[in-house]
Amino acid sequence: MPLLSCCVCGFPSSSKRHQNQGAWRTPTNEYGKKLQIVFIGLDGSGKTSLLYALRHPPPRPDQPQQADGALRAGRHSASAGDFSDAVWIEGNSHRGAKGQSAQAASELAELGNIAPPPNLKTVTIPLRVGGTELIAVDTAGCRAERDSWRSSVTGADAVVLVIDSSDALRLPVARHELWKLEGVLRDMPGPFLVLANKQDIRGAMNTDSVRDMLQLNELESVIGGSCATKPCTAVDRSTIEAAIDWLITVTVTASSCKDK
């Protein structure tokens, strides 16, 4: 699909798309400036782990290791404050396992220092991918917080839905929550990307199966734009970087289409 051609970018140009923006809205989305990308997905889909992997590059081979095998630098305990620069939308500091039960913190710590504690509220996280600075909005995926996705998505430069590809039973729930956002996605200036996460798990669905389960072809017809699907896993940072690099390119192209 020729997504990089301005004449076929397929994204709406309504001037209303930037209304009702939240207080965290980045004022510009020109290339080289900070783009705002909103990450949505059910609890357990791996949104926060993907962002953690992007924010913390893999350590160099020459970095010293502690006796327990944990690296002194480049990796952090899952029970510690993983996103030191992340902030609550309300303005409070986000400190990792805050509010998590001891059992949940223990389970997270067993993930090999890869997965941070899940967010219970929406947080913003500054990122740099390649030469582009981003503001990632990590929304909470629990049932009580999903209605807030609409306000987070409104005015965003791009939206990413993270799917746990190894959990087919919850795909209908993810589809239901996604389709509740069709009106907002229709007015969005940039692309919509689905990340088929946890591809490292045996039995994980491929991107075609995820597309079918989410009915993305039908959604494309409704919103008048493209819904791309890409595979990824938090244990392979390159898969996430490749997907976000693509998203940045298409987002900037969509912005150029809008201005012409």
C-alpha atoms as a PDB file:
ATOM      1  CA  MET A   1       0.000   0.000   0.000  1.00  0.00           C
ATOM      2  CA  PRO A   2       1.628   3.316  -1.107  1.00  0.00           C
ATOM      3  CA  LEU A   3       1.281   5.043   2.241  1.00  0.00           C
ATOM      4  CA  LEU A   4       4.146   7.441   1.643  1.00  0.00           C
ATOM      5  CA  SER A   5       2.543   9.205  -1.301  1.00  0.00           C
ATOM      6  CA  CYS A   6       0.798  12.413  -0.279  1.00  0.00           C
ATOM      7  CA  CYS A   7      -1.930  11.990  -2.857  1.00  0.00           C
ATOM      8  CA  VAL A   8      -2.946   8.628  -1.428  1.00  0.00           C
ATOM      9  CA  CYS A   9      -2.174   9.088   2.243  1.00  0.00           C
ATOM     10  CA  GLY A  10      -5.810   8.481   3.064  1.00  0.00           C
ATOM     11  CA  PHE A  11      -5.993  10.594   6.203  1.00  0.00           C
ATOM     12  CA  PRO A  12      -8.745  13.195   6.684  1.00  0.00           C
ATOM     13  CA  SER A  13      -7.954  16.897   6.647  1.00  0.00           C
ATOM     14  CA  SER A  14     -10.686  18.209   8.919  1.00  0.00           C
ATOM     15  CA  SER A  15      -9.670  21.301  10.862  1.00  0.00           C
ATOM     16  CA  LYS A  16     -11.659  19.992  13.821  1.00  0.00           C
ATOM     17  CA  ARG A  17      -9.189  17.212  14.554  1.00  0.00           C
ATOM     18  CA  HIS A  18      -7.062  19.396  16.834  1.00  0.00           C
ATOM     19  CA  GLN A  19      -9.918  20.654  18.980  1.00  0.00           C
ATOM     20  CA  ASN A  20     -10.496  19.465  22.554  1.00  0.00           C
ATOM     21  CA  GLN A  21      -6.829  18.666  23.072  1.00  0.00           C
ATOM     22  CA  GLY A  22      -5.642  17.665  26.540  1.00  0.00           C
ATOM     23  CA  ALA A  23      -3.255  19.694  28.658  1.00  0.00           C
ATOM     24  CA  TRP A  24      -0.398  17.436  27.552  1.00  0.00           C
ATOM     25  CA  ARG A  25      -0.808  18.293  23.887  1.00  0.00           C
ATOM     26  CA  THR A  26       2.475  19.011  22.096  1.00  0.00           C
ATOM     27  CA  PRO A  27       1.970  22.264  20.140  1.00  0.00           C
ATOM     28  CA  THR A  28       3.690  21.173  16.941  1.00  0.00           C
ATOM     29  CA  ASN A  29       4.212  18.023  14.932  1.00  0.00           C
ATOM     30  CA  GLU A  30       6.698  19.117  12.295  1.00  0.00           C
ATOM     31  CA  TYR A  31       9.478  16.672  11.588  1.00  0.00           C
ATOM     32  CA  GLY A  32      12.283  17.036  14.107  1.00  0.00           C
ATOM     33  CA  LYS A  33       9.859  18.290  16.736  1.00  0.00           C
ATOM     34  CA  LYS A  34       8.105  16.249  19.370  1.00  0.00           C
ATOM     35  CA  LEU A  35       5.341  14.070  17.998  1.00  0.00           C
ATOM     36  CA  GLN A  36       2.612  12.863  20.314  1.00  0.00           C
ATOM     37  CA  ILE A  37       1.778   9.177  19.955  1.00  0.00           C
ATOM     38  CA  VAL A  38      -0.943   7.616  22.101  1.00  0.00           C
ATOM     39  CA  PHE A  39      -0.625   3.942  23.048  1.00  0.00           C
ATOM     40  CA  ILE A  40      -3.829   2.098  23.900  1.00  0.00           C
ATOM     41  CA  GLY A  41      -4.503  -1.549  24.679  1.00  0.00           C
ATOM     42  CA  LEU A  42      -5.982  -3.899  27.240  1.00  0.00           C
ATOM     43  CA  ASP A  43      -4.255  -4.498  30.543  1.00  0.00           C
ATOM     44  CA  GLY A  44      -1.562  -7.098  30.021  1.00  0.00           C
ATOM     45  CA  SER A  45      -1.098  -6.279  26.332  1.00  0.00           C
ATOM     46  CA  GLY A  46       2.452  -5.066  26.972  1.00  0.00           C
ATOM     47  CA  LYS A  47       2.194  -1.333  26.209  1.00  0.00           C
ATOM     48  CA  THR A  48       4.346  -0.261  29.131  1.00  0.00           C
ATOM     49  CA  SER A  49       6.928  -2.986  28.488  1.00  0.00           C
ATOM     50  CA  LEU A  50       7.316  -1.879  24.867  1.00  0.00           C
ATOM     51  CA  LEU A  51       7.825   1.732  25.908  1.00  0.00           C
ATOM     52  CA  TYR A  52      10.273   0.635  28.587  1.00  0.00           C
ATOM     53  CA  ALA A  53      12.289  -1.253  25.986  1.00  0.00           C
ATOM     54  CA  LEU A  54      12.345   1.838  23.755  1.00  0.00           C
ATOM     55  CA  ARG A  55      13.400   4.088  26.599  1.00  0.00           C
ATOM     56  CA  HIS A  56      16.153   1.817  27.914  1.00  0.00           C
ATOM     57  CA  PRO A  57      18.490   0.633  25.121  1.00  0.00           C
ATOM     58  CA  PRO A  58      20.083  -2.795  25.563  1.00  0.00           C
ATOM     59  CA  PRO A  59      23.350  -2.653  27.545  1.00  0.00           C
ATOM     60  CA  ARG A  60      26.741  -2.821  25.884  1.00  0.00           C
ATOM     61  CA  PRO A  61      28.588  -6.145  26.119  1.00  0.00           C
ATOM     62  CA  ASP A  62      31.400  -4.461  28.081  1.00  0.00           C
ATOM     63  CA  GLN A  63      29.114  -3.282  30.889  1.00  0.00           C
ATOM     64  CA  PRO A  64      29.977  -4.882  34.264  1.00  0.00           C
ATOM     65  CA  GLN A  65      27.482  -7.277  35.772  1.00  0.00           C
ATOM     66  CA  GLN A  66      26.440  -7.793  39.339  1.00  0.00           C
ATOM     67  CA  ALA A  67      26.735 -11.166  41.021  1.00  0.00           C
ATOM     68  CA  ASP A  68      23.053 -11.875  40.437  1.00  0.00           C
ATOM     69  CA  GLY A  69      23.438 -11.280  36.713  1.00  0.00           C
ATOM     70  CA  ALA A  70      21.628  -7.950  36.698  1.00  0.00           C
ATOM     71  CA  LEU A  71      23.477  -5.235  34.814  1.00  0.00           C
ATOM     72  CA  ARG A  72      24.710  -2.247  36.784  1.00  0.00           C
ATOM     73  CA  ALA A  73      23.577   0.094  34.043  1.00  0.00           C
ATOM     74  CA  GLY A  74      21.115   0.009  31.202  1.00  0.00           C
ATOM     75  CA  ARG A  75      18.566  -2.175  32.975  1.00  0.00           C
ATOM     76  CA  HIS A  76      16.438  -1.535  36.014  1.00  0.00           C
ATOM     77  CA  SER A  77      14.521  -3.686  38.435  1.00  0.00           C
ATOM     78  CA  ALA A  78      10.877  -4.139  37.542  1.00  0.00           C
ATOM     79  CA  SER A  79       9.914  -3.162  41.066  1.00  0.00           C
ATOM     80  CA  ALA A  80      11.817   0.132  40.966  1.00  0.00           C
ATOM     81  CA  GLY A  81      10.904   3.453  39.384  1.00  0.00           C
ATOM     82  CA  ASP A  82      11.232   2.563  35.728  1.00  0.00           C
ATOM     83  CA  PHE A  83      10.176   5.810  34.041  1.00  0.00           C
ATOM     84  CA  SER A  84      11.972   8.480  36.048  1.00  0.00           C
ATOM     85  CA  ASP A  85      10.846  11.225  33.668  1.00  0.00           C
ATOM     86  CA  ALA A  86       7.280   9.994  33.269  1.00  0.00           C
ATOM     87  CA  VAL A  87       4.546  12.103  34.801  1.00  0.00           C
ATOM     88  CA  TRP A  88       0.948  11.482  35.694  1.00  0.00           C
ATOM     89  CA  ILE A  89      -1.498  13.429  33.595  1.00  0.00           C
ATOM     90  CA  GLU A  90      -2.563  15.015  36.872  1.00  0.00           C
ATOM     91  CA  GLY A  91       1.037  16.133  37.423  1.00  0.00           C
ATOM     92  CA  ASN A  92       2.099  13.647  40.086  1.00  0.00           C
ATOM     93  CA  SER A  93       5.295  11.645  39.794  1.00  0.00           C
ATOM     94  CA  HIS A  94       5.072   8.085  38.489  1.00  0.00           C
ATOM     95  CA  ARG A  95       7.168   5.694  40.502  1.00  0.00           C
ATOM     96  CA  GLY A  96       6.959   2.185  39.144  1.00  0.00           C
ATOM     97  CA  ALA A  97       5.177  -0.240  41.450  1.00  0.00           C
ATOM     98  CA  LYS A  98       3.213   2.427  43.277  1.00  0.00           C
ATOM     99  CA  GLY A  99      -0.164   0.975  44.153  1.00  0.00           C
ATOM    100  CA  GLN A 100       0.787  -2.565  43.131  1.00  0.00           C
ATOM    101  CA  SER A 101       0.269  -5.514  45.459  1.00  0.00           C
ATOM    102  CA  ALA A 102       3.283  -7.421  46.763  1.00  0.00           C
ATOM    103  CA  GLN A 103       2.225 -10.415  44.683  1.00  0.00           C
ATOM    104  CA  ALA A 104       1.980  -8.339  41.501  1.00  0.00           C
ATOM    105  CA  ALA A 105       5.372  -6.747  42.144  1.00  0.00           C
ATOM    106  CA  SER A 106       6.874 -10.179  42.715  1.00  0.00           C
ATOM    107  CA  GLU A 107       5.394 -11.529  39.490  1.00  0.00           C
ATOM    108  CA  LEU A 108       6.722  -8.557  37.561  1.00  0.00           C
ATOM    109  CA  ALA A 109      10.178  -8.942  39.072  1.00  0.00           C
ATOM    110  CA  GLU A 110      10.272 -12.501  37.736  1.00  0.00           C
ATOM    111  CA  LEU A 111      10.047 -11.213  34.171  1.00  0.00           C
ATOM    112  CA  GLY A 112      13.794 -10.791  33.956  1.00  0.00           C
ATOM    113  CA  ASN A 113      13.924  -7.029  34.570  1.00  0.00           C
ATOM    114  CA  ILE A 114      12.152  -6.420  31.264  1.00  0.00           C
ATOM    115  CA  ALA A 115       8.592  -5.624  32.258  1.00  0.00           C
ATOM    116  CA  PRO A 116       7.899  -2.604  34.467  1.00  0.00           C
ATOM    117  CA  PRO A 117       4.799  -2.517  36.665  1.00  0.00           C
ATOM    118  CA  PRO A 118       1.642  -1.747  34.669  1.00  0.00           C
ATOM    119  CA  ASN A 119       0.310   1.782  34.691  1.00  0.00           C
ATOM    120  CA  LEU A 120      -2.884   2.321  36.637  1.00  0.00           C
ATOM    121  CA  LYS A 121      -3.363   5.781  35.147  1.00  0.00           C
ATOM    122  CA  THR A 122      -2.362   7.536  31.946  1.00  0.00           C
ATOM    123  CA  VAL A 123       1.222   8.789  31.936  1.00  0.00           C
ATOM    124  CA  THR A 124       3.339  10.700  29.427  1.00  0.00           C
ATOM    125  CA  ILE A 125       6.824   9.469  28.607  1.00  0.00           C
ATOM    126  CA  PRO A 126       9.480  11.382  26.624  1.00  0.00           C
ATOM    127  CA  LEU A 127      11.222   9.198  24.044  1.00  0.00           C
ATOM    128  CA  ARG A 128      13.759   9.566  21.262  1.00  0.00           C
ATOM    129  CA  VAL A 129      13.579   7.143  18.342  1.00  0.00           C
ATOM    130  CA  GLY A 130      16.279   7.762  15.784  1.00  0.00           C
ATOM    131  CA  GLY A 131      16.530  11.531  15.509  1.00  0.00           C
ATOM    132  CA  THR A 132      12.926  12.204  16.439  1.00  0.00           C
ATOM    133  CA  GLU A 133      11.697  13.221  19.870  1.00  0.00           C
ATOM    134  CA  LEU A 134       8.341  11.787  20.886  1.00  0.00           C
ATOM    135  CA  ILE A 135       5.834  12.233  23.653  1.00  0.00           C
ATOM    136  CA  ALA A 136       4.393   8.774  24.257  1.00  0.00           C
ATOM    137  CA  VAL A 137       1.062   8.698  26.070  1.00  0.00           C
ATOM    138  CA  ASP A 138       0.781   5.362  27.872  1.00  0.00           C
ATOM    139  CA  THR A 139      -2.892   4.874  28.697  1.00  0.00           C
ATOM    140  CA  ALA A 140      -4.133   2.538  31.399  1.00  0.00           C
ATOM    141  CA  GLY A 141      -5.679  -0.645  30.033  1.00  0.00           C
ATOM    142  CA  CYS A 142      -7.826  -1.771  32.932  1.00  0.00           C
ATOM    143  CA  ARG A 143     -11.583  -1.826  32.370  1.00  0.00           C
ATOM    144  CA  ALA A 144     -12.267   1.165  34.619  1.00  0.00           C
ATOM    145  CA  GLU A 145      -9.891   3.397  32.627  1.00  0.00           C
ATOM    146  CA  ARG A 146     -10.728   2.432  29.032  1.00  0.00           C
ATOM    147  CA  ASP A 147     -13.388   5.093  28.630  1.00  0.00           C
ATOM    148  CA  SER A 148     -10.599   7.665  29.031  1.00  0.00           C
ATOM    149  CA  TRP A 149      -8.944   6.449  25.824  1.00  0.00           C
ATOM    150  CA  ARG A 150     -11.205   8.697  23.776  1.00  0.00           C
ATOM    151  CA  SER A 151      -9.961  11.898  25.402  1.00  0.00           C
ATOM    152  CA  SER A 152      -6.345  10.721  25.153  1.00  0.00           C
ATOM    153  CA  VAL A 153      -6.640   9.869  21.459  1.00  0.00           C
ATOM    154  CA  THR A 154      -8.341  13.154  20.547  1.00  0.00           C
ATOM    155  CA  GLY A 155      -5.775  15.482  19.006  1.00  0.00           C
ATOM    156  CA  ALA A 156      -2.951  12.925  18.907  1.00  0.00           C
ATOM    157  CA  ASP A 157      -0.527  12.830  15.985  1.00  0.00           C
ATOM    158  CA  ALA A 158      -0.818   9.036  15.802  1.00  0.00           C
ATOM    159  CA  VAL A 159      -2.404   6.163  17.725  1.00  0.00           C
ATOM    160  CA  VAL A 160      -0.986   2.714  18.460  1.00  0.00           C
ATOM    161  CA  LEU A 161      -3.116  -0.212  19.639  1.00  0.00           C
ATOM    162  CA  VAL A 162      -1.025  -2.886  21.361  1.00  0.00           C
ATOM    163  CA  ILE A 163      -2.403  -6.427  21.209  1.00  0.00           C
ATOM    164  CA  ASP A 164      -1.314  -9.492  23.155  1.00  0.00           C
ATOM    165  CA  SER A 165      -1.020 -11.843  20.192  1.00  0.00           C
ATOM    166  CA  SER A 166      -0.755 -14.850  22.481  1.00  0.00           C
ATOM    167  CA  ASP A 167      -4.184 -14.269  24.045  1.00  0.00           C
ATOM    168  CA  ALA A 168      -6.836 -14.982  21.417  1.00  0.00           C
ATOM    169  CA  LEU A 169      -9.600 -15.103  24.021  1.00  0.00           C
ATOM    170  CA  ARG A 170      -9.300 -11.368  24.721  1.00  0.00           C
ATOM    171  CA  LEU A 171      -9.153 -10.244  21.088  1.00  0.00           C
ATOM    172  CA  PRO A 172     -12.949  -9.739  20.967  1.00  0.00           C
ATOM    173  CA  VAL A 173     -12.651  -7.439  23.991  1.00  0.00           C
ATOM    174  CA  ALA A 174      -9.903  -5.447  22.293  1.00  0.00           C
ATOM    175  CA  ARG A 175     -12.009  -5.252  19.125  1.00  0.00           C
ATOM    176  CA  HIS A 176     -14.985  -3.947  21.099  1.00  0.00           C
ATOM    177  CA  GLU A 177     -12.906  -1.223  22.753  1.00  0.00           C
ATOM    178  CA  LEU A 178     -11.269  -0.287  19.454  1.00  0.00           C
ATOM    179  CA  TRP A 179     -14.516   0.103  17.569  1.00  0.00           C
ATOM    180  CA  LYS A 180     -15.837   2.415  20.273  1.00  0.00           C
ATOM    181  CA  LEU A 181     -13.182   4.871  19.039  1.00  0.00           C
ATOM    182  CA  GLU A 182     -14.146   4.844  15.362  1.00  0.00           C
ATOM    183  CA  GLY A 183     -15.476   8.405  15.456  1.00  0.00           C
ATOM    184  CA  VAL A 184     -12.268   9.769  16.966  1.00  0.00           C
ATOM    185  CA  LEU A 185     -10.082   7.773  14.588  1.00  0.00           C
ATOM    186  CA  ARG A 186     -12.046   9.151  11.638  1.00  0.00           C
ATOM    187  CA  ASP A 187     -11.011  12.696  12.572  1.00  0.00           C
ATOM    188  CA  MET A 188      -7.408  11.833  13.400  1.00  0.00           C
ATOM    189  CA  PRO A 189      -4.795  13.478  11.147  1.00  0.00           C
ATOM    190  CA  GLY A 190      -2.186  10.734  11.358  1.00  0.00           C
ATOM    191  CA  PRO A 191      -1.928   6.961  11.062  1.00  0.00           C
ATOM    192  CA  PHE A 192      -3.355   4.184  13.184  1.00  0.00           C
ATOM    193  CA  LEU A 193      -1.033   1.280  13.920  1.00  0.00           C
ATOM    194  CA  VAL A 194      -1.717  -2.082  15.544  1.00  0.00           C
ATOM    195  CA  LEU A 195       1.255  -3.782  17.191  1.00  0.00           C
ATOM    196  CA  ALA A 196       0.844  -7.553  17.342  1.00  0.00           C
ATOM    197  CA  ASN A 197       2.905  -7.885  20.502  1.00  0.00           C
ATOM    198  CA  LYS A 198       4.462 -10.915  22.241  1.00  0.00           C
ATOM    199  CA  GLN A 199       5.501 -12.623  19.031  1.00  0.00           C
ATOM    200  CA  ASP A 200       8.191 -14.413  21.036  1.00  0.00           C
ATOM    201  CA  ILE A 201       5.530 -16.563  22.721  1.00  0.00           C
ATOM    202  CA  ARG A 202       4.802 -19.907  21.088  1.00  0.00           C
ATOM    203  CA  GLY A 203       1.369 -19.963  19.489  1.00  0.00           C
ATOM    204  CA  ALA A 204       1.113 -16.196  19.112  1.00  0.00           C
ATOM    205  CA  MET A 205      -1.162 -15.116  16.266  1.00  0.00           C
ATOM    206  CA  ASN A 206       0.428 -13.564  13.199  1.00  0.00           C
ATOM    207  CA  THR A 207      -0.480 -10.110  11.937  1.00  0.00           C
ATOM    208  CA  ASP A 208      -3.016 -11.412   9.414  1.00  0.00           C
ATOM    209  CA  SER A 209      -4.928 -13.246  12.132  1.00  0.00           C
ATOM    210  CA  VAL A 210      -4.868 -10.170  14.357  1.00  0.00           C
ATOM    211  CA  ARG A 211      -6.211  -8.036  11.495  1.00  0.00           C
ATOM    212  CA  ASP A 212      -9.047 -10.459  10.909  1.00  0.00           C
ATOM    213  CA  MET A 213      -9.966 -10.671  14.588  1.00  0.00           C
ATOM    214  CA  LEU A 214     -10.027  -6.878  14.938  1.00  0.00           C
ATOM    215  CA  GLN A 215     -11.900  -6.459  11.620  1.00  0.00           C
ATOM    216  CA  LEU A 216      -9.388  -3.851  10.503  1.00  0.00           C
ATOM    217  CA  ASN A 217     -10.387  -3.987   6.840  1.00  0.00           C
ATOM    218  CA  GLU A 218     -13.895  -2.953   7.813  1.00  0.00           C
ATOM    219  CA  LEU A 219     -12.537  -0.278  10.158  1.00  0.00           C
ATOM    220  CA  GLU A 220     -10.455   1.194   7.341  1.00  0.00           C
ATOM    221  CA  SER A 221     -13.606   1.629   5.283  1.00  0.00           C
ATOM    222  CA  VAL A 222     -15.385   3.331   8.170  1.00  0.00           C
ATOM    223  CA  ILE A 223     -12.645   5.784   9.169  1.00  0.00           C
ATOM    224  CA  GLY A 224     -11.390   6.443   5.637  1.00  0.00           C
ATOM    225  CA  GLY A 225      -7.765   5.733   6.531  1.00  0.00           C
ATOM    226  CA  SER A 226      -5.231   2.952   6.730  1.00  0.00           C
ATOM    227  CA  CYS A 227      -4.821   0.605   9.700  1.00  0.00           C
ATOM    228  CA  ALA A 228      -1.404  -1.015   9.558  1.00  0.00           C
ATOM    229  CA  THR A 229      -0.418  -4.090  11.568  1.00  0.00           C
ATOM    230  CA  LYS A 230       3.155  -4.940  12.546  1.00  0.00           C
ATOM    231  CA  PRO A 231       4.671  -7.700  14.694  1.00  0.00           C
ATOM    232  CA  CYS A 232       6.816  -6.935  17.725  1.00  0.00           C
ATOM    233  CA  THR A 233       8.083  -8.179  21.057  1.00  0.00           C
ATOM    234  CA  ALA A 234       9.531  -6.358  24.045  1.00  0.00           C
ATOM    235  CA  VAL A 235      12.459  -8.774  24.186  1.00  0.00           C
ATOM    236  CA  ASP A 236      13.641  -7.648  20.733  1.00  0.00           C
ATOM    237  CA  ARG A 237      13.950  -3.874  20.735  1.00  0.00           C
ATOM    238  CA  SER A 238      14.621  -3.772  16.986  1.00  0.00           C
ATOM    239  CA  THR A 239      11.065  -4.930  16.233  1.00  0.00           C
ATOM    240  CA  ILE A 240       9.620  -2.007  18.181  1.00  0.00           C
ATOM    241  CA  GLU A 241      12.044   0.513  16.694  1.00  0.00           C
ATOM    242  CA  ALA A 242      11.198  -0.631  13.168  1.00  0.00           C
ATOM    243  CA  ALA A 243       7.476  -0.201  13.803  1.00  0.00           C
ATOM    244  CA  ILE A 244       7.857   3.232  15.413  1.00  0.00           C
ATOM    245  CA  ASP A 245      10.261   4.391  12.675  1.00  0.00           C
ATOM    246  CA  TRP A 246       7.580   3.481  10.139  1.00  0.00           C
ATOM    247  CA  LEU A 247       4.949   5.278  12.198  1.00  0.00           C
ATOM    248  CA  ILE A 248       7.048   8.453  12.403  1.00  0.00           C
ATOM    249  CA  THR A 249       7.577   8.503   8.640  1.00  0.00           C
ATOM    250  CA  VAL A 250       3.894   8.029   7.875  1.00  0.00           C
ATOM    251  CA  THR A 251       2.862  10.553  10.530  1.00  0.00           C
ATOM    252  CA  VAL A 252       5.084  13.229   9.018  1.00  0.00           C
ATOM    253  CA  THR A 253       3.828  12.379   5.531  1.00  0.00           C
ATOM    254  CA  ALA A 254       0.229  12.658   6.701  1.00  0.00           C
ATOM    255  CA  SER A 255       1.017  16.044   8.227  1.00  0.00           C
ATOM    256  CA  SER A 256       2.464  17.193   4.899  1.00  0.00           C
ATOM    257  CA  CYS A 257      -0.670  15.997   3.094  1.00  0.00           C
ATOM    258  CA  LYS A 258      -2.829  17.975   5.494  1.00  0.00           C
ATOM    259  CA  ASP A 259      -0.940  21.199   4.812  1.00  0.00           C
ATOM    260  CA  LYS A 260      -1.316  20.939   1.015  1.00  0.00           C
END
